[in-house]
Every structure is written in structure tokens, then in C-alpha cells.
Amino acid sequence: DDWPYLYLKDRNIPFSYWIVLVIVLIIAWISTRKVFPRVKGMN
């Protein structure tokens, strides 16, 4: 119940997941800068 990943061979994050996750972070960063163009830095 804590690790219900039947289709995952080992306890790791597959390389294909990393590709998608990096793309998600890039899209999120670009979206943030588009919505808040005057904001500089990070709180």
C-alpha cells in the first residue's frame, strides 16, 4: 500500500519520467514569468 507500483521493477524513477518532469518544470518557469513579468527573484 505504501509502494503500490506493480509495473515498476525497482525503487527508482525511470529515465522517461525524468524527461517529462524536466519539461514540466520548464513550462512552469516560463508560465510564471509570463504571468508575472515584473517579478524579479524568488521568495
PDB file of all heavy atoms in Angstrom:
ATOM      1  N   ASP A   1       0.829  -1.210   0.000  1.00  0.00           N
ATOM      2  CA  ASP A   1       0.000   0.000   0.000  1.00  0.00           C
ATOM      3  C   ASP A   1       0.862   1.258   0.000  1.00  0.00           C
ATOM      4  O   ASP A   1       0.452   2.297  -0.522  1.00  0.00           O
ATOM      5  CB  ASP A   1      -0.914   0.007   1.231  1.00  0.00           C
ATOM      6  CG  ASP A   1      -2.062  -0.984   1.087  1.00  0.00           C
ATOM      7  OD1 ASP A   1      -2.232  -1.538  -0.017  1.00  0.00           O
ATOM      8  OD2 ASP A   1      -2.786  -1.201   2.084  1.00  0.00           O
ATOM      9  N   ASP A   2       2.045   1.183   0.592  1.00  0.00           N
ATOM     10  CA  ASP A   2       2.944   2.330   0.625  1.00  0.00           C
ATOM     11  C   ASP A   2       3.732   2.467  -0.675  1.00  0.00           C
ATOM     12  O   ASP A   2       4.109   3.575  -1.056  1.00  0.00           O
ATOM     13  CB  ASP A   2       3.914   2.188   1.809  1.00  0.00           C
ATOM     14  CG  ASP A   2       4.810   3.401   1.964  1.00  0.00           C
ATOM     15  OD1 ASP A   2       4.282   4.531   1.962  1.00  0.00           O
ATOM     16  OD2 ASP A   2       6.045   3.233   2.066  1.00  0.00           O
ATOM     17  N   TRP A   3       3.980   1.356  -1.349  1.00  0.00           N
ATOM     18  CA  TRP A   3       4.715   1.355  -2.621  1.00  0.00           C
ATOM     19  C   TRP A   3       3.933   0.466  -3.599  1.00  0.00           C
ATOM     20  O   TRP A   3       4.315  -0.666  -3.864  1.00  0.00           O
ATOM     21  CB  TRP A   3       6.131   0.821  -2.421  1.00  0.00           C
ATOM     22  CG  TRP A   3       7.065   1.077  -3.579  1.00  0.00           C
ATOM     23  CD1 TRP A   3       7.733   2.225  -3.862  1.00  0.00           C
ATOM     24  CD2 TRP A   3       7.420   0.143  -4.619  1.00  0.00           C
ATOM     25  NE1 TRP A   3       8.479   2.077  -5.011  1.00  0.00           N
ATOM     26  CE2 TRP A   3       8.322   0.811  -5.491  1.00  0.00           C
ATOM     27  CE3 TRP A   3       7.072  -1.173  -4.900  1.00  0.00           C
ATOM     28  CZ2 TRP A   3       8.860   0.202  -6.616  1.00  0.00           C
ATOM     29  CZ3 TRP A   3       7.606  -1.789  -6.026  1.00  0.00           C
ATOM     30  CH2 TRP A   3       8.499  -1.101  -6.869  1.00  0.00           C
ATOM     31  N   PRO A   4       2.807   0.989  -4.162  1.00  0.00           N
ATOM     32  CA  PRO A   4       1.901   0.149  -4.953  1.00  0.00           C
ATOM     33  C   PRO A   4       2.216   0.103  -6.438  1.00  0.00           C
ATOM     34  O   PRO A   4       1.306  -0.018  -7.265  1.00  0.00           O
ATOM     35  CB  PRO A   4       0.548   0.834  -4.711  1.00  0.00           C
ATOM     36  CG  PRO A   4       0.894   2.279  -4.592  1.00  0.00           C
ATOM     37  CD  PRO A   4       2.267   2.342  -3.955  1.00  0.00           C
ATOM     38  N   TYR A   5       3.493   0.192  -6.776  1.00  0.00           N
ATOM     39  CA  TYR A   5       3.877   0.349  -8.183  1.00  0.00           C
ATOM     40  C   TYR A   5       4.201  -1.012  -8.802  1.00  0.00           C
ATOM     41  O   TYR A   5       5.360  -1.400  -8.949  1.00  0.00           O
ATOM     42  CB  TYR A   5       5.050   1.315  -8.291  1.00  0.00           C
ATOM     43  CG  TYR A   5       4.746   2.642  -7.623  1.00  0.00           C
ATOM     44  CD1 TYR A   5       5.393   3.036  -6.458  1.00  0.00           C
ATOM     45  CD2 TYR A   5       3.765   3.479  -8.155  1.00  0.00           C
ATOM     46  CE1 TYR A   5       5.087   4.238  -5.844  1.00  0.00           C
ATOM     47  CE2 TYR A   5       3.453   4.682  -7.544  1.00  0.00           C
ATOM     48  CZ  TYR A   5       4.122   5.052  -6.392  1.00  0.00           C
ATOM     49  OH  TYR A   5       3.804   6.243  -5.783  1.00  0.00           O
ATOM     50  N   LEU A   6       3.139  -1.723  -9.176  1.00  0.00           N
ATOM     51  CA  LEU A   6       3.269  -3.076  -9.711  1.00  0.00           C
ATOM     52  C   LEU A   6       4.126  -3.121 -10.969  1.00  0.00           C
ATOM     53  O   LEU A   6       4.872  -4.065 -11.196  1.00  0.00           O
ATOM     54  CB  LEU A   6       1.873  -3.641  -9.996  1.00  0.00           C
ATOM     55  CG  LEU A   6       1.800  -5.047 -10.595  1.00  0.00           C
ATOM     56  CD1 LEU A   6       2.293  -6.085  -9.604  1.00  0.00           C
ATOM     57  CD2 LEU A   6       0.374  -5.362 -11.034  1.00  0.00           C
ATOM     58  N   TYR A   7       4.023  -2.070 -11.800  1.00  0.00           N
ATOM     59  CA  TYR A   7       4.703  -2.086 -13.099  1.00  0.00           C
ATOM     60  C   TYR A   7       6.080  -1.420 -13.055  1.00  0.00           C
ATOM     61  O   TYR A   7       6.639  -1.096 -14.103  1.00  0.00           O
ATOM     62  CB  TYR A   7       3.836  -1.398 -14.150  1.00  0.00           C
ATOM     63  CG  TYR A   7       2.548  -2.138 -14.425  1.00  0.00           C
ATOM     64  CD1 TYR A   7       1.349  -1.731 -13.852  1.00  0.00           C
ATOM     65  CD2 TYR A   7       2.532  -3.262 -15.248  1.00  0.00           C
ATOM     66  CE1 TYR A   7       0.174  -2.410 -14.093  1.00  0.00           C
ATOM     67  CE2 TYR A   7       1.360  -3.948 -15.500  1.00  0.00           C
ATOM     68  CZ  TYR A   7       0.186  -3.514 -14.919  1.00  0.00           C
ATOM     69  OH  TYR A   7      -0.985  -4.196 -15.165  1.00  0.00           O
ATOM     70  N   LEU A   8       6.599  -1.198 -11.865  1.00  0.00           N
ATOM     71  CA  LEU A   8       7.941  -0.636 -11.719  1.00  0.00           C
ATOM     72  C   LEU A   8       8.849  -1.725 -11.149  1.00  0.00           C
ATOM     73  O   LEU A   8       8.561  -2.276 -10.086  1.00  0.00           O
ATOM     74  CB  LEU A   8       7.906   0.578 -10.786  1.00  0.00           C
ATOM     75  CG  LEU A   8       9.158   1.450 -10.734  1.00  0.00           C
ATOM     76  CD1 LEU A   8       9.425   2.093 -12.089  1.00  0.00           C
ATOM     77  CD2 LEU A   8       9.000   2.531  -9.669  1.00  0.00           C
ATOM     78  N   LYS A   9       9.933  -2.015 -11.840  1.00  0.00           N
ATOM     79  CA  LYS A   9      10.781  -3.136 -11.429  1.00  0.00           C
ATOM     80  C   LYS A   9      11.469  -2.869 -10.097  1.00  0.00           C
ATOM     81  O   LYS A   9      11.467  -3.708  -9.193  1.00  0.00           O
ATOM     82  CB  LYS A   9      11.838  -3.424 -12.498  1.00  0.00           C
ATOM     83  CG  LYS A   9      12.741  -4.600 -12.156  1.00  0.00           C
ATOM     84  CD  LYS A   9      13.798  -4.815 -13.233  1.00  0.00           C
ATOM     85  CE  LYS A   9      14.737  -5.947 -12.850  1.00  0.00           C
ATOM     86  NZ  LYS A   9      15.824  -6.136 -13.845  1.00  0.00           N
ATOM     87  N   ASP A  10      12.101  -1.704  -9.960  1.00  0.00           N
ATOM     88  CA  ASP A  10      12.858  -1.376  -8.752  1.00  0.00           C
ATOM     89  C   ASP A  10      12.387  -0.041  -8.187  1.00  0.00           C
ATOM     90  O   ASP A  10      11.610   0.687  -8.810  1.00  0.00           O
ATOM     91  CB  ASP A  10      14.360  -1.297  -9.063  1.00  0.00           C
ATOM     92  CG  ASP A  10      14.898  -2.597  -9.626  1.00  0.00           C
ATOM     93  OD1 ASP A  10      14.713  -3.634  -8.966  1.00  0.00           O
ATOM     94  OD2 ASP A  10      15.473  -2.567 -10.725  1.00  0.00           O
ATOM     95  N   ARG A  11      12.907   0.284  -7.024  1.00  0.00           N
ATOM     96  CA  ARG A  11      12.603   1.575  -6.410  1.00  0.00           C
ATOM     97  C   ARG A  11      13.467   2.656  -7.048  1.00  0.00           C
ATOM     98  O   ARG A  11      14.529   2.995  -6.538  1.00  0.00           O
ATOM     99  CB  ARG A  11      12.837   1.514  -4.895  1.00  0.00           C
ATOM    100  CG  ARG A  11      11.761   0.733  -4.132  1.00  0.00           C
ATOM    101  CD  ARG A  11      12.059   0.684  -2.648  1.00  0.00           C
ATOM    102  NE  ARG A  11      10.978   0.075  -1.909  1.00  0.00           N
ATOM    103  CZ  ARG A  11      10.032   0.736  -1.240  1.00  0.00           C
ATOM    104  NH1 ARG A  11      10.063   2.053  -1.221  1.00  0.00           N
ATOM    105  NH2 ARG A  11       9.082   0.101  -0.583  1.00  0.00           N
ATOM    106  N   ASN A  12      13.034   3.169  -8.161  1.00  0.00           N
ATOM    107  CA  ASN A  12      13.748   4.251  -8.829  1.00  0.00           C
ATOM    108  C   ASN A  12      12.777   5.024  -9.712  1.00  0.00           C
ATOM    109  O   ASN A  12      11.633   4.618  -9.904  1.00  0.00           O
ATOM    110  CB  ASN A  12      14.916   3.704  -9.669  1.00  0.00           C
ATOM    111  CG  ASN A  12      14.446   2.752 -10.748  1.00  0.00           C
ATOM    112  OD1 ASN A  12      13.600   3.099 -11.573  1.00  0.00           O
ATOM    113  ND2 ASN A  12      14.969   1.534 -10.766  1.00  0.00           N
ATOM    114  N   ILE A  13      13.239   6.155 -10.226  1.00  0.00           N
ATOM    115  CA  ILE A  13      12.440   6.966 -11.139  1.00  0.00           C
ATOM    116  C   ILE A  13      12.963   6.716 -12.548  1.00  0.00           C
ATOM    117  O   ILE A  13      14.112   7.041 -12.848  1.00  0.00           O
ATOM    118  CB  ILE A  13      12.551   8.456 -10.785  1.00  0.00           C
ATOM    119  CG1 ILE A  13      12.091   8.692  -9.340  1.00  0.00           C
ATOM    120  CG2 ILE A  13      11.720   9.297 -11.752  1.00  0.00           C
ATOM    121  CD1 ILE A  13      12.242  10.127  -8.876  1.00  0.00           C
ATOM    122  N   PRO A  14      12.163   6.116 -13.422  1.00  0.00           N
ATOM    123  CA  PRO A  14      12.628   5.805 -14.782  1.00  0.00           C
ATOM    124  C   PRO A  14      13.078   7.056 -15.537  1.00  0.00           C
ATOM    125  O   PRO A  14      12.592   8.156 -15.284  1.00  0.00           O
ATOM    126  CB  PRO A  14      11.388   5.177 -15.441  1.00  0.00           C
ATOM    127  CG  PRO A  14      10.573   4.660 -14.302  1.00  0.00           C
ATOM    128  CD  PRO A  14      10.794   5.626 -13.177  1.00  0.00           C
ATOM    129  N   PHE A  15      14.002   6.852 -16.460  1.00  0.00           N
ATOM    130  CA  PHE A  15      14.560   7.962 -17.229  1.00  0.00           C
ATOM    131  C   PHE A  15      13.481   8.713 -18.005  1.00  0.00           C
ATOM    132  O   PHE A  15      13.516   9.943 -18.117  1.00  0.00           O
ATOM    133  CB  PHE A  15      15.629   7.441 -18.192  1.00  0.00           C
ATOM    134  CG  PHE A  15      16.272   8.519 -19.027  1.00  0.00           C
ATOM    135  CD1 PHE A  15      17.140   9.436 -18.455  1.00  0.00           C
ATOM    136  CD2 PHE A  15      15.976   8.622 -20.378  1.00  0.00           C
ATOM    137  CE1 PHE A  15      17.722  10.436 -19.219  1.00  0.00           C
ATOM    138  CE2 PHE A  15      16.555   9.622 -21.159  1.00  0.00           C
ATOM    139  CZ  PHE A  15      17.431  10.534 -20.562  1.00  0.00           C
ATOM    140  N   SER A  16      12.496   7.982 -18.535  1.00  0.00           N
ATOM    141  CA  SER A  16      11.415   8.631 -19.290  1.00  0.00           C
ATOM    142  C   SER A  16      10.634   9.600 -18.403  1.00  0.00           C
ATOM    143  O   SER A  16      10.150  10.646 -18.866  1.00  0.00           O
ATOM    144  CB  SER A  16      10.476   7.581 -19.880  1.00  0.00           C
ATOM    145  OG  SER A  16       9.962   6.740 -18.856  1.00  0.00           O
ATOM    146  N   TYR A  17      10.502   9.267 -17.119  1.00  0.00           N
ATOM    147  CA  TYR A  17       9.819  10.159 -16.179  1.00  0.00           C
ATOM    148  C   TYR A  17      10.613  11.455 -16.010  1.00  0.00           C
ATOM    149  O   TYR A  17      10.047  12.537 -15.959  1.00  0.00           O
ATOM    150  CB  TYR A  17       9.662   9.479 -14.814  1.00  0.00           C
ATOM    151  CG  TYR A  17       8.491   8.533 -14.707  1.00  0.00           C
ATOM    152  CD1 TYR A  17       8.271   7.552 -15.675  1.00  0.00           C
ATOM    153  CD2 TYR A  17       7.607   8.597 -13.642  1.00  0.00           C
ATOM    154  CE1 TYR A  17       7.211   6.673 -15.577  1.00  0.00           C
ATOM    155  CE2 TYR A  17       6.539   7.722 -13.535  1.00  0.00           C
ATOM    156  CZ  TYR A  17       6.350   6.757 -14.505  1.00  0.00           C
ATOM    157  OH  TYR A  17       5.292   5.890 -14.413  1.00  0.00           O
ATOM    158  N   TRP A  18      11.944  11.304 -15.895  1.00  0.00           N
ATOM    159  CA  TRP A  18      12.791  12.489 -15.707  1.00  0.00           C
ATOM    160  C   TRP A  18      12.619  13.476 -16.859  1.00  0.00           C
ATOM    161  O   TRP A  18      12.584  14.694 -16.655  1.00  0.00           O
ATOM    162  CB  TRP A  18      14.255  12.077 -15.588  1.00  0.00           C
ATOM    163  CG  TRP A  18      14.624  11.511 -14.253  1.00  0.00           C
ATOM    164  CD1 TRP A  18      14.995  10.229 -13.975  1.00  0.00           C
ATOM    165  CD2 TRP A  18      14.670  12.211 -13.007  1.00  0.00           C
ATOM    166  NE1 TRP A  18      15.261  10.077 -12.639  1.00  0.00           N
ATOM    167  CE2 TRP A  18      15.081  11.281 -12.015  1.00  0.00           C
ATOM    168  CE3 TRP A  18      14.401  13.529 -12.612  1.00  0.00           C
ATOM    169  CZ2 TRP A  18      15.226  11.628 -10.672  1.00  0.00           C
ATOM    170  CZ3 TRP A  18      14.540  13.877 -11.285  1.00  0.00           C
ATOM    171  CH2 TRP A  18      14.947  12.942 -10.333  1.00  0.00           C
ATOM    172  N   ILE A  19      12.525  12.961 -18.078  1.00  0.00           N
ATOM    173  CA  ILE A  19      12.367  13.826 -19.247  1.00  0.00           C
ATOM    174  C   ILE A  19      11.095  14.653 -19.122  1.00  0.00           C
ATOM    175  O   ILE A  19      11.095  15.877 -19.290  1.00  0.00           O
ATOM    176  CB  ILE A  19      12.340  12.988 -20.541  1.00  0.00           C
ATOM    177  CG1 ILE A  19      13.687  12.275 -20.745  1.00  0.00           C
ATOM    178  CG2 ILE A  19      12.005  13.867 -21.751  1.00  0.00           C
ATOM    179  CD1 ILE A  19      13.702  11.331 -21.935  1.00  0.00           C
ATOM    180  N   VAL A  20       9.981  13.988 -18.793  1.00  0.00           N
ATOM    181  CA  VAL A  20       8.694  14.682 -18.666  1.00  0.00           C
ATOM    182  C   VAL A  20       8.725  15.670 -17.505  1.00  0.00           C
ATOM    183  O   VAL A  20       8.214  16.797 -17.612  1.00  0.00           O
ATOM    184  CB  VAL A  20       7.551  13.665 -18.485  1.00  0.00           C
ATOM    185  CG1 VAL A  20       6.231  14.393 -18.264  1.00  0.00           C
ATOM    186  CG2 VAL A  20       7.458  12.752 -19.696  1.00  0.00           C
ATOM    187  N   LEU A  21       9.316  15.273 -16.378  1.00  0.00           N
ATOM    188  CA  LEU A  21       9.342  16.143 -15.202  1.00  0.00           C
ATOM    189  C   LEU A  21      10.155  17.414 -15.463  1.00  0.00           C
ATOM    190  O   LEU A  21       9.781  18.505 -15.021  1.00  0.00           O
ATOM    191  CB  LEU A  21       9.918  15.383 -14.004  1.00  0.00           C
ATOM    192  CG  LEU A  21       9.058  14.222 -13.489  1.00  0.00           C
ATOM    193  CD1 LEU A  21       9.765  13.483 -12.361  1.00  0.00           C
ATOM    194  CD2 LEU A  21       7.700  14.720 -13.012  1.00  0.00           C
ATOM    195  N   VAL A  22      11.260  17.274 -16.170  1.00  0.00           N
ATOM    196  CA  VAL A  22      12.064  18.453 -16.516  1.00  0.00           C
ATOM    197  C   VAL A  22      11.267  19.378 -17.426  1.00  0.00           C
ATOM    198  O   VAL A  22      11.283  20.614 -17.264  1.00  0.00           O
ATOM    199  CB  VAL A  22      13.384  18.026 -17.182  1.00  0.00           C
ATOM    200  CG1 VAL A  22      14.102  19.244 -17.777  1.00  0.00           C
ATOM    201  CG2 VAL A  22      14.290  17.337 -16.169  1.00  0.00           C
ATOM    202  N   ILE A  23      10.541  18.802 -18.387  1.00  0.00           N
ATOM    203  CA  ILE A  23       9.701  19.609 -19.283  1.00  0.00           C
ATOM    204  C   ILE A  23       8.632  20.353 -18.481  1.00  0.00           C
ATOM    205  O   ILE A  23       8.347  21.536 -18.732  1.00  0.00           O
ATOM    206  CB  ILE A  23       9.054  18.719 -20.364  1.00  0.00           C
ATOM    207  CG1 ILE A  23      10.132  18.164 -21.307  1.00  0.00           C
ATOM    208  CG2 ILE A  23       8.005  19.496 -21.150  1.00  0.00           C
ATOM    209  CD1 ILE A  23       9.611  17.162 -22.314  1.00  0.00           C
ATOM    210  N   VAL A  24       8.035  19.674 -17.501  1.00  0.00           N
ATOM    211  CA  VAL A  24       7.017  20.308 -16.654  1.00  0.00           C
ATOM    212  C   VAL A  24       7.606  21.504 -15.912  1.00  0.00           C
ATOM    213  O   VAL A  24       6.987  22.578 -15.833  1.00  0.00           O
ATOM    214  CB  VAL A  24       6.444  19.284 -15.652  1.00  0.00           C
ATOM    215  CG1 VAL A  24       5.626  19.986 -14.572  1.00  0.00           C
ATOM    216  CG2 VAL A  24       5.589  18.264 -16.376  1.00  0.00           C
ATOM    217  N   LEU A  25       8.806  21.342 -15.358  1.00  0.00           N
ATOM    218  CA  LEU A  25       9.449  22.440 -14.625  1.00  0.00           C
ATOM    219  C   LEU A  25       9.760  23.621 -15.549  1.00  0.00           C
ATOM    220  O   LEU A  25       9.604  24.787 -15.158  1.00  0.00           O
ATOM    221  CB  LEU A  25      10.726  21.948 -13.955  1.00  0.00           C
ATOM    222  CG  LEU A  25      10.545  20.993 -12.770  1.00  0.00           C
ATOM    223  CD1 LEU A  25      11.897  20.549 -12.240  1.00  0.00           C
ATOM    224  CD2 LEU A  25       9.742  21.662 -11.668  1.00  0.00           C
ATOM    225  N   ILE A  26      10.194  23.329 -16.765  1.00  0.00           N
ATOM    226  CA  ILE A  26      10.495  24.403 -17.728  1.00  0.00           C
ATOM    227  C   ILE A  26       9.215  25.163 -18.087  1.00  0.00           C
ATOM    228  O   ILE A  26       9.192  26.405 -18.124  1.00  0.00           O
ATOM    229  CB  ILE A  26      11.160  23.824 -18.993  1.00  0.00           C
ATOM    230  CG1 ILE A  26      12.548  23.265 -18.645  1.00  0.00           C
ATOM    231  CG2 ILE A  26      11.270  24.890 -20.079  1.00  0.00           C
ATOM    232  CD1 ILE A  26      13.215  22.528 -19.790  1.00  0.00           C
ATOM    233  N   ILE A  27       8.134  24.420 -18.361  1.00  0.00           N
ATOM    234  CA  ILE A  27       6.860  25.063 -18.697  1.00  0.00           C
ATOM    235  C   ILE A  27       6.362  25.909 -17.528  1.00  0.00           C
ATOM    236  O   ILE A  27       5.871  27.035 -17.712  1.00  0.00           O
ATOM    237  CB  ILE A  27       5.810  23.998 -19.073  1.00  0.00           C
ATOM    238  CG1 ILE A  27       6.202  23.312 -20.390  1.00  0.00           C
ATOM    239  CG2 ILE A  27       4.423  24.618 -19.193  1.00  0.00           C
ATOM    240  CD1 ILE A  27       5.302  22.160 -20.771  1.00  0.00           C
ATOM    241  N   ALA A  28       6.500  25.381 -16.304  1.00  0.00           N
ATOM    242  CA  ALA A  28       6.060  26.116 -15.120  1.00  0.00           C
ATOM    243  C   ALA A  28       6.857  27.411 -14.949  1.00  0.00           C
ATOM    244  O   ALA A  28       6.304  28.459 -14.602  1.00  0.00           O
ATOM    245  CB  ALA A  28       6.193  25.241 -13.879  1.00  0.00           C
ATOM    246  N   TRP A  29       8.170  27.339 -15.200  1.00  0.00           N
ATOM    247  CA  TRP A  29       9.020  28.530 -15.069  1.00  0.00           C
ATOM    248  C   TRP A  29       8.644  29.592 -16.112  1.00  0.00           C
ATOM    249  O   TRP A  29       8.497  30.771 -15.778  1.00  0.00           O
ATOM    250  CB  TRP A  29      10.487  28.130 -15.222  1.00  0.00           C
ATOM    251  CG  TRP A  29      11.433  29.292 -15.144  1.00  0.00           C
ATOM    252  CD1 TRP A  29      12.017  29.967 -16.183  1.00  0.00           C
ATOM    253  CD2 TRP A  29      11.888  29.941 -13.950  1.00  0.00           C
ATOM    254  NE1 TRP A  29      12.807  30.985 -15.714  1.00  0.00           N
ATOM    255  CE2 TRP A  29      12.743  30.991 -14.345  1.00  0.00           C
ATOM    256  CE3 TRP A  29      11.651  29.744 -12.593  1.00  0.00           C
ATOM    257  CZ2 TRP A  29      13.374  31.832 -13.439  1.00  0.00           C
ATOM    258  CZ3 TRP A  29      12.269  30.575 -11.673  1.00  0.00           C
ATOM    259  CH2 TRP A  29      13.121  31.597 -12.096  1.00  0.00           C
ATOM    260  N   ILE A  30       8.463  29.157 -17.362  1.00  0.00           N
ATOM    261  CA  ILE A  30       8.089  30.098 -18.421  1.00  0.00           C
ATOM    262  C   ILE A  30       6.713  30.710 -18.129  1.00  0.00           C
ATOM    263  O   ILE A  30       6.501  31.921 -18.297  1.00  0.00           O
ATOM    264  CB  ILE A  30       8.086  29.392 -19.789  1.00  0.00           C
ATOM    265  CG1 ILE A  30       9.513  28.938 -20.146  1.00  0.00           C
ATOM    266  CG2 ILE A  30       7.522  30.302 -20.877  1.00  0.00           C
ATOM    267  CD1 ILE A  30       9.584  28.108 -21.409  1.00  0.00           C
ATOM    268  N   SER A  31       5.771  29.882 -17.670  1.00  0.00           N
ATOM    269  CA  SER A  31       4.428  30.364 -17.357  1.00  0.00           C
ATOM    270  C   SER A  31       4.460  31.394 -16.242  1.00  0.00           C
ATOM    271  O   SER A  31       3.756  32.414 -16.293  1.00  0.00           O
ATOM    272  CB  SER A  31       3.524  29.194 -16.953  1.00  0.00           C
ATOM    273  OG  SER A  31       3.450  28.235 -17.976  1.00  0.00           O
ATOM    274  N   THR A  32       5.297  31.132 -15.221  1.00  0.00           N
ATOM    275  CA  THR A  32       5.408  32.070 -14.107  1.00  0.00           C
ATOM    276  C   THR A  32       5.908  33.420 -14.579  1.00  0.00           C
ATOM    277  O   THR A  32       5.396  34.475 -14.176  1.00  0.00           O
ATOM    278  CB  THR A  32       6.360  31.509 -13.038  1.00  0.00           C
ATOM    279  OG1 THR A  32       5.894  30.216 -12.618  1.00  0.00           O
ATOM    280  CG2 THR A  32       6.407  32.412 -11.812  1.00  0.00           C
ATOM    281  N   ARG A  33       6.927  33.404 -15.447  1.00  0.00           N
ATOM    282  CA  ARG A  33       7.488  34.656 -15.950  1.00  0.00           C
ATOM    283  C   ARG A  33       6.521  35.387 -16.890  1.00  0.00           C
ATOM    284  O   ARG A  33       6.532  36.620 -16.975  1.00  0.00           O
ATOM    285  CB  ARG A  33       8.815  34.378 -16.675  1.00  0.00           C
ATOM    286  CG  ARG A  33       9.909  33.861 -15.753  1.00  0.00           C
ATOM    287  CD  ARG A  33      10.053  34.751 -14.543  1.00  0.00           C
ATOM    288  NE  ARG A  33      10.882  34.168 -13.500  1.00  0.00           N
ATOM    289  CZ  ARG A  33      10.888  34.588 -12.241  1.00  0.00           C
ATOM    290  NH1 ARG A  33      10.101  35.564 -11.877  1.00  0.00           N
ATOM    291  NH2 ARG A  33      11.660  34.023 -11.341  1.00  0.00           N
ATOM    292  N   LYS A  34       5.670  34.631 -17.579  1.00  0.00           N
ATOM    293  CA  LYS A  34       4.692  35.257 -18.467  1.00  0.00           C
ATOM    294  C   LYS A  34       3.579  35.935 -17.672  1.00  0.00           C
ATOM    295  O   LYS A  34       3.119  37.030 -18.012  1.00  0.00           O
ATOM    296  CB  LYS A  34       4.085  34.201 -19.404  1.00  0.00           C
ATOM    297  CG  LYS A  34       5.042  33.679 -20.472  1.00  0.00           C
ATOM    298  CD  LYS A  34       5.311  34.726 -21.548  1.00  0.00           C
ATOM    299  CE  LYS A  34       6.169  34.138 -22.667  1.00  0.00           C
ATOM    300  NZ  LYS A  34       6.462  35.162 -23.713  1.00  0.00           N
ATOM    301  N   VAL A  35       3.120  35.272 -16.616  1.00  0.00           N
ATOM    302  CA  VAL A  35       2.027  35.805 -15.806  1.00  0.00           C
ATOM    303  C   VAL A  35       2.506  36.952 -14.918  1.00  0.00           C
ATOM    304  O   VAL A  35       1.785  37.922 -14.686  1.00  0.00           O
ATOM    305  CB  VAL A  35       1.397  34.684 -14.954  1.00  0.00           C
ATOM    306  CG1 VAL A  35       0.314  35.247 -14.031  1.00  0.00           C
ATOM    307  CG2 VAL A  35       0.808  33.610 -15.856  1.00  0.00           C
ATOM    308  N   PHE A  36       3.739  36.834 -14.406  1.00  0.00           N
ATOM    309  CA  PHE A  36       4.301  37.867 -13.523  1.00  0.00           C
ATOM    310  C   PHE A  36       5.578  38.435 -14.164  1.00  0.00           C
ATOM    311  O   PHE A  36       6.686  38.173 -13.689  1.00  0.00           O
ATOM    312  CB  PHE A  36       4.622  37.295 -12.141  1.00  0.00           C
ATOM    313  CG  PHE A  36       3.434  36.657 -11.458  1.00  0.00           C
ATOM    314  CD1 PHE A  36       3.242  35.276 -11.505  1.00  0.00           C
ATOM    315  CD2 PHE A  36       2.524  37.428 -10.762  1.00  0.00           C
ATOM    316  CE1 PHE A  36       2.162  34.695 -10.871  1.00  0.00           C
ATOM    317  CE2 PHE A  36       1.438  36.852 -10.121  1.00  0.00           C
ATOM    318  CZ  PHE A  36       1.249  35.480 -10.181  1.00  0.00           C
ATOM    319  N   PRO A  37       5.454  39.218 -15.241  1.00  0.00           N
ATOM    320  CA  PRO A  37       6.642  39.677 -15.982  1.00  0.00           C
ATOM    321  C   PRO A  37       7.516  40.650 -15.192  1.00  0.00           C
ATOM    322  O   PRO A  37       8.713  40.757 -15.460  1.00  0.00           O
ATOM    323  CB  PRO A  37       6.042  40.346 -17.220  1.00  0.00           C
ATOM    324  CG  PRO A  37       4.667  40.756 -16.814  1.00  0.00           C
ATOM    325  CD  PRO A  37       4.203  39.698 -15.854  1.00  0.00           C
ATOM    326  N   ARG A  38       6.931  41.360 -14.237  1.00  0.00           N
ATOM    327  CA  ARG A  38       7.691  42.361 -13.495  1.00  0.00           C
ATOM    328  C   ARG A  38       8.360  41.808 -12.240  1.00  0.00           C
ATOM    329  O   ARG A  38       9.113  42.517 -11.580  1.00  0.00           O
ATOM    330  CB  ARG A  38       6.775  43.520 -13.107  1.00  0.00           C
ATOM    331  CG  ARG A  38       6.186  44.264 -14.302  1.00  0.00           C
ATOM    332  CD  ARG A  38       5.317  45.418 -13.844  1.00  0.00           C
ATOM    333  NE  ARG A  38       4.741  46.132 -14.984  1.00  0.00           N
ATOM    334  CZ  ARG A  38       3.921  47.170 -14.875  1.00  0.00           C
ATOM    335  NH1 ARG A  38       3.586  47.619 -13.662  1.00  0.00           N
ATOM    336  NH2 ARG A  38       3.440  47.759 -15.952  1.00  0.00           N
ATOM    337  N   VAL A  39       8.060  40.570 -11.930  1.00  0.00           N
ATOM    338  CA  VAL A  39       8.619  39.975 -10.711  1.00  0.00           C
ATOM    339  C   VAL A  39      10.061  39.550 -10.955  1.00  0.00           C
ATOM    340  O   VAL A  39      10.371  38.899 -11.958  1.00  0.00           O
ATOM    341  CB  VAL A  39       7.777  38.764 -10.274  1.00  0.00           C
ATOM    342  CG1 VAL A  39       8.483  37.986  -9.160  1.00  0.00           C
ATOM    343  CG2 VAL A  39       6.409  39.217  -9.799  1.00  0.00           C
ATOM    344  N   LYS A  40      10.926  39.903 -10.036  1.00  0.00           N
ATOM    345  CA  LYS A  40      12.328  39.500 -10.096  1.00  0.00           C
ATOM    346  C   LYS A  40      12.679  38.705  -8.838  1.00  0.00           C
ATOM    347  O   LYS A  40      12.260  39.044  -7.743  1.00  0.00           O
ATOM    348  CB  LYS A  40      13.244  40.727 -10.190  1.00  0.00           C
ATOM    349  CG  LYS A  40      12.934  41.660 -11.372  1.00  0.00           C
ATOM    350  CD  LYS A  40      13.145  40.961 -12.712  1.00  0.00           C
ATOM    351  CE  LYS A  40      12.848  41.912 -13.876  1.00  0.00           C
ATOM    352  NZ  LYS A  40      12.991  41.238 -15.174  1.00  0.00           N
ATOM    353  N   GLY A  41      13.470  37.664  -9.019  1.00  0.00           N
ATOM    354  CA  GLY A  41      13.926  36.891  -7.880  1.00  0.00           C
ATOM    355  C   GLY A  41      12.894  35.868  -7.420  1.00  0.00           C
ATOM    356  O   GLY A  41      11.921  35.556  -8.119  1.00  0.00           O
ATOM    357  N   MET A  42      13.134  35.347  -6.217  1.00  0.00           N
ATOM    358  CA  MET A  42      12.288  34.296  -5.669  1.00  0.00           C
ATOM    359  C   MET A  42      12.124  34.502  -4.170  1.00  0.00           C
ATOM    360  O   MET A  42      13.089  34.734  -3.449  1.00  0.00           O
ATOM    361  CB  MET A  42      12.917  32.920  -5.935  1.00  0.00           C
ATOM    362  CG  MET A  42      12.084  31.736  -5.475  1.00  0.00           C
ATOM    363  SD  MET A  42      10.672  31.399  -6.556  1.00  0.00           S
ATOM    364  CE  MET A  42      11.517  30.811  -8.032  1.00  0.00           C
ATOM    365  N   ASN A  43      10.891  34.420  -3.703  1.00  0.00           N
ATOM    366  CA  ASN A  43      10.619  34.412  -2.270  1.00  0.00           C
ATOM    367  C   ASN A  43      10.604  32.954  -1.829  1.00  0.00           C
ATOM    368  O   ASN A  43       9.633  32.241  -2.039  1.00  0.00           O
ATOM    369  CB  ASN A  43       9.271  35.085  -1.984  1.00  0.00           C
ATOM    370  CG  ASN A  43       9.002  35.233  -0.491  1.00  0.00           C
ATOM    371  OD1 ASN A  43       9.239  34.317   0.282  1.00  0.00           O
ATOM    372  ND2 ASN A  43       8.507  36.393  -0.097  1.00  0.00           N
TER     373      ASN A  43
END
